[in-house]
Amino acid sequence: MIAYYLDRFPIQAVTYLTNMLDSFMIRFCACGSMRRAWRGGIPLIGELQRFKAQYLKAMAHPVRIRTLEILRQGELAVADVQAQVDADVANISQHLAVLRNAGIVTARKTGLSVLYSVRDAEVFSILDALREIFSHRLDSMQTVLAADEDGRPPAPERKRRSRRVDGGLSSEAVRP
């Protein structure tokens, strides 16, 4: 469905992602610090956009996105995440701390290990939507590359000009 919208209405597809974040914000707002962003059920302009920017900024790293994709499996320890990501345990811990501070993941300590899980499953719908956007762009690029056998995009057609009988220039294309 998103690929259909991306092809025909790219701005509306971005709006769709924004609306998904809005619905998440409404559910998330019930907890303390975000309550100030709402007055009488109407979000203040700026606060909602600030929340979205901070939320997406916390996700804006390839290791964090990969970590969230791994946490789709369920609650995992840092060592389990590190086994699937090509990074040090300390690096993974730092990325998980950023996600935890943004409220994207939660941590639960059991014994000596800390188990992480995604706080709201709506995060996965955002990641899925981004995967569809990427897939659509990849399909578009493959279509353009397939149009030219050399692997170069086709050159734009130029308008040819010819001389009229009366000496003026015509915009119609004729053979030279």
Protein backbone atom coordinates (compact mmCIF):
# COMPACT_ATOMS: atom_id res chain seq x y z
CA MET A 1 0.00 0.00 0.00
CA ILE A 2 2.80 2.44 0.85
CA ALA A 3 4.57 1.63 -2.42
CA TYR A 4 1.40 2.62 -4.30
CA TYR A 5 1.30 5.96 -2.47
CA LEU A 6 5.02 6.55 -2.91
CA ASP A 7 4.76 6.04 -6.62
CA ARG A 8 1.84 8.41 -7.10
CA PHE A 9 1.81 10.64 -4.02
CA PRO A 10 5.25 10.88 -2.32
CA ILE A 11 4.21 13.75 -0.04
CA GLN A 12 1.17 11.82 1.17
CA ALA A 13 3.40 8.83 2.03
CA VAL A 14 5.49 11.03 4.30
CA THR A 15 2.25 12.34 5.79
CA TYR A 16 1.24 8.73 6.47
CA LEU A 17 4.44 8.20 8.47
CA THR A 18 3.82 11.44 10.34
CA ASN A 19 0.29 10.32 11.20
CA MET A 20 1.64 7.03 12.55
CA LEU A 21 3.91 9.03 14.85
CA ASP A 22 0.95 11.23 15.84
CA SER A 23 -1.06 8.20 16.92
CA PHE A 24 1.94 6.97 18.88
CA MET A 25 2.26 10.40 20.50
CA ILE A 26 -1.35 10.32 21.67
CA ARG A 27 -0.77 7.00 23.44
CA PHE A 28 2.65 8.03 24.76
CA CYS A 29 1.41 11.37 26.08
CA ALA A 30 -0.37 9.78 29.04
CA CYS A 31 2.96 9.51 30.86
CA GLY A 32 4.28 12.44 32.89
CA SER A 33 6.80 14.57 31.02
CA MET A 34 4.87 14.68 27.76
CA ARG A 35 1.64 15.84 29.43
CA ARG A 36 2.76 19.47 29.11
CA ALA A 37 2.67 19.10 25.31
CA TRP A 38 -1.13 18.93 25.37
CA ARG A 39 -3.68 21.54 26.43
CA GLY A 40 -7.29 20.56 26.34
CA GLY A 41 -6.64 17.60 24.04
CA ILE A 42 -4.97 19.79 21.39
CA PRO A 43 -1.22 19.46 20.87
CA LEU A 44 0.83 22.63 20.96
CA ILE A 45 2.42 23.38 17.64
CA GLY A 46 6.11 22.77 17.96
CA GLU A 47 6.04 20.34 20.88
CA LEU A 48 4.70 17.51 18.74
CA GLN A 49 7.22 18.24 16.00
CA ARG A 50 10.01 18.42 18.59
CA PHE A 51 8.96 15.03 19.96
CA LYS A 52 8.95 13.52 16.45
CA ALA A 53 12.37 14.97 15.67
CA GLN A 54 13.88 13.70 18.92
CA TYR A 55 12.29 10.29 18.46
CA LEU A 56 13.53 9.91 14.89
CA LYS A 57 16.93 11.36 15.82
CA ALA A 58 17.33 8.64 18.44
CA MET A 59 16.62 6.03 15.74
CA ALA A 60 18.86 7.73 13.17
CA HIS A 61 21.86 5.41 13.21
CA PRO A 62 22.31 2.15 11.27
CA VAL A 63 23.37 0.22 14.40
CA ARG A 64 20.30 1.44 16.30
CA ILE A 65 17.97 0.52 13.45
CA ARG A 66 19.58 -2.92 13.21
CA THR A 67 19.26 -3.28 16.99
CA LEU A 68 15.54 -2.48 16.80
CA GLU A 69 15.11 -5.01 14.01
CA ILE A 70 16.82 -7.63 16.20
CA LEU A 71 14.65 -6.69 19.20
CA ARG A 72 11.61 -7.51 17.07
CA GLN A 73 12.32 -11.11 18.17
CA GLY A 74 11.56 -10.14 21.76
CA GLU A 75 13.45 -9.33 24.93
CA LEU A 76 17.22 -9.82 24.51
CA ALA A 77 20.42 -9.20 26.45
CA VAL A 78 23.19 -6.96 25.12
CA ALA A 79 25.36 -10.01 24.34
CA ASP A 80 22.55 -11.52 22.24
CA VAL A 81 22.20 -8.30 20.26
CA GLN A 82 25.98 -8.01 19.88
CA ALA A 83 26.15 -11.52 18.43
CA GLN A 84 23.97 -10.37 15.52
CA VAL A 85 25.53 -6.91 15.00
CA ASP A 86 29.11 -6.29 13.94
CA ALA A 87 30.02 -3.99 16.87
CA ASP A 88 31.59 -4.12 20.33
CA VAL A 89 29.47 -4.79 23.42
CA ALA A 90 30.32 -1.31 24.73
CA ASN A 91 29.20 0.26 21.45
CA ILE A 92 25.91 -1.70 21.49
CA SER A 93 25.35 -0.65 25.12
CA GLN A 94 25.82 3.01 24.19
CA HIS A 95 23.33 2.73 21.33
CA LEU A 96 20.83 0.96 23.58
CA ALA A 97 21.27 3.76 26.14
CA VAL A 98 20.33 6.34 23.50
CA LEU A 99 17.25 4.31 22.57
CA ARG A 100 16.36 3.84 26.25
CA ASN A 101 16.73 7.58 27.02
CA ALA A 102 14.41 8.36 24.11
CA GLY A 103 11.83 5.93 25.46
CA ILE A 104 12.04 3.61 22.47
CA VAL A 105 13.31 0.58 24.41
CA THR A 106 12.97 -0.49 28.03
CA ALA A 107 15.53 -2.26 30.18
CA ARG A 108 14.95 -4.91 32.82
CA LYS A 109 17.75 -6.22 34.99
CA THR A 110 17.79 -9.93 35.78
CA GLY A 111 20.78 -11.15 37.72
CA LEU A 112 23.93 -9.82 36.09
CA SER A 113 22.41 -9.17 32.68
CA VAL A 114 20.13 -6.42 31.41
CA LEU A 115 17.35 -7.43 29.05
CA TYR A 116 16.11 -4.92 26.48
CA SER A 117 12.79 -4.85 24.69
CA VAL A 118 10.93 -2.39 22.47
CA ARG A 119 8.51 -0.25 24.44
CA ASP A 120 5.86 0.15 21.71
CA ALA A 121 5.41 -2.19 18.75
CA GLU A 122 4.42 0.78 16.55
CA VAL A 123 8.16 1.32 16.08
CA PHE A 124 8.15 -1.74 13.85
CA SER A 125 5.46 -0.26 11.60
CA ILE A 126 7.71 2.80 11.14
CA LEU A 127 10.65 0.53 10.25
CA ASP A 128 8.42 -1.49 7.88
CA ALA A 129 7.24 1.69 6.18
CA LEU A 130 10.84 2.83 5.73
CA ARG A 131 11.72 -0.59 4.29
CA GLU A 132 8.90 -0.19 1.73
CA ILE A 133 10.14 3.29 0.82
CA PHE A 134 13.64 1.91 0.29
CA SER A 135 12.28 -0.98 -1.76
CA HIS A 136 10.26 1.39 -3.92
CA ARG A 137 13.29 3.59 -4.56
CA LEU A 138 15.37 0.54 -5.42
CA ASP A 139 12.70 -0.61 -7.90
CA SER A 140 12.66 2.84 -9.49
CA MET A 141 16.44 2.85 -9.89
CA GLN A 142 16.40 -0.64 -11.40
CA THR A 143 13.77 0.46 -13.91
CA VAL A 144 15.88 3.42 -14.99
CA LEU A 145 19.02 1.29 -15.26
CA ALA A 146 17.21 -1.39 -17.25
CA ALA A 147 16.12 1.23 -19.78
CA ASP A 148 19.70 1.72 -20.88
CA GLU A 149 21.83 -1.32 -21.64
CA ASP A 150 25.07 0.50 -20.75
CA GLY A 151 23.88 1.08 -17.21
CA ARG A 152 23.56 4.83 -17.79
CA PRO A 153 20.23 6.60 -17.49
CA PRO A 154 18.81 7.61 -20.87
CA ALA A 155 19.70 11.12 -22.01
CA PRO A 156 16.80 13.58 -22.15
CA GLU A 157 15.42 14.23 -25.61
CA ARG A 158 16.36 17.54 -27.13
CA LYS A 159 14.05 19.60 -29.22
CA ARG A 160 15.38 20.02 -32.74
CA ARG A 161 14.97 23.27 -34.59
CA SER A 162 14.66 23.64 -38.34
CA ARG A 163 14.45 26.54 -40.74
CA ARG A 164 11.10 27.57 -42.08
CA VAL A 165 10.60 28.52 -45.66
CA ASP A 166 10.20 32.15 -44.60
CA GLY A 167 13.55 32.05 -42.74
CA GLY A 168 12.18 31.85 -39.17
CA LEU A 169 12.87 29.03 -36.74
CA SER A 170 10.33 26.28 -36.22
CA SER A 171 10.02 24.21 -33.06
CA GLU A 172 8.96 21.14 -35.01
CA ALA A 173 11.49 18.36 -35.31
CA VAL A 174 12.60 17.56 -38.86
CA ARG A 175 15.59 15.80 -40.29
CA PRO A 176 18.61 18.03 -40.95
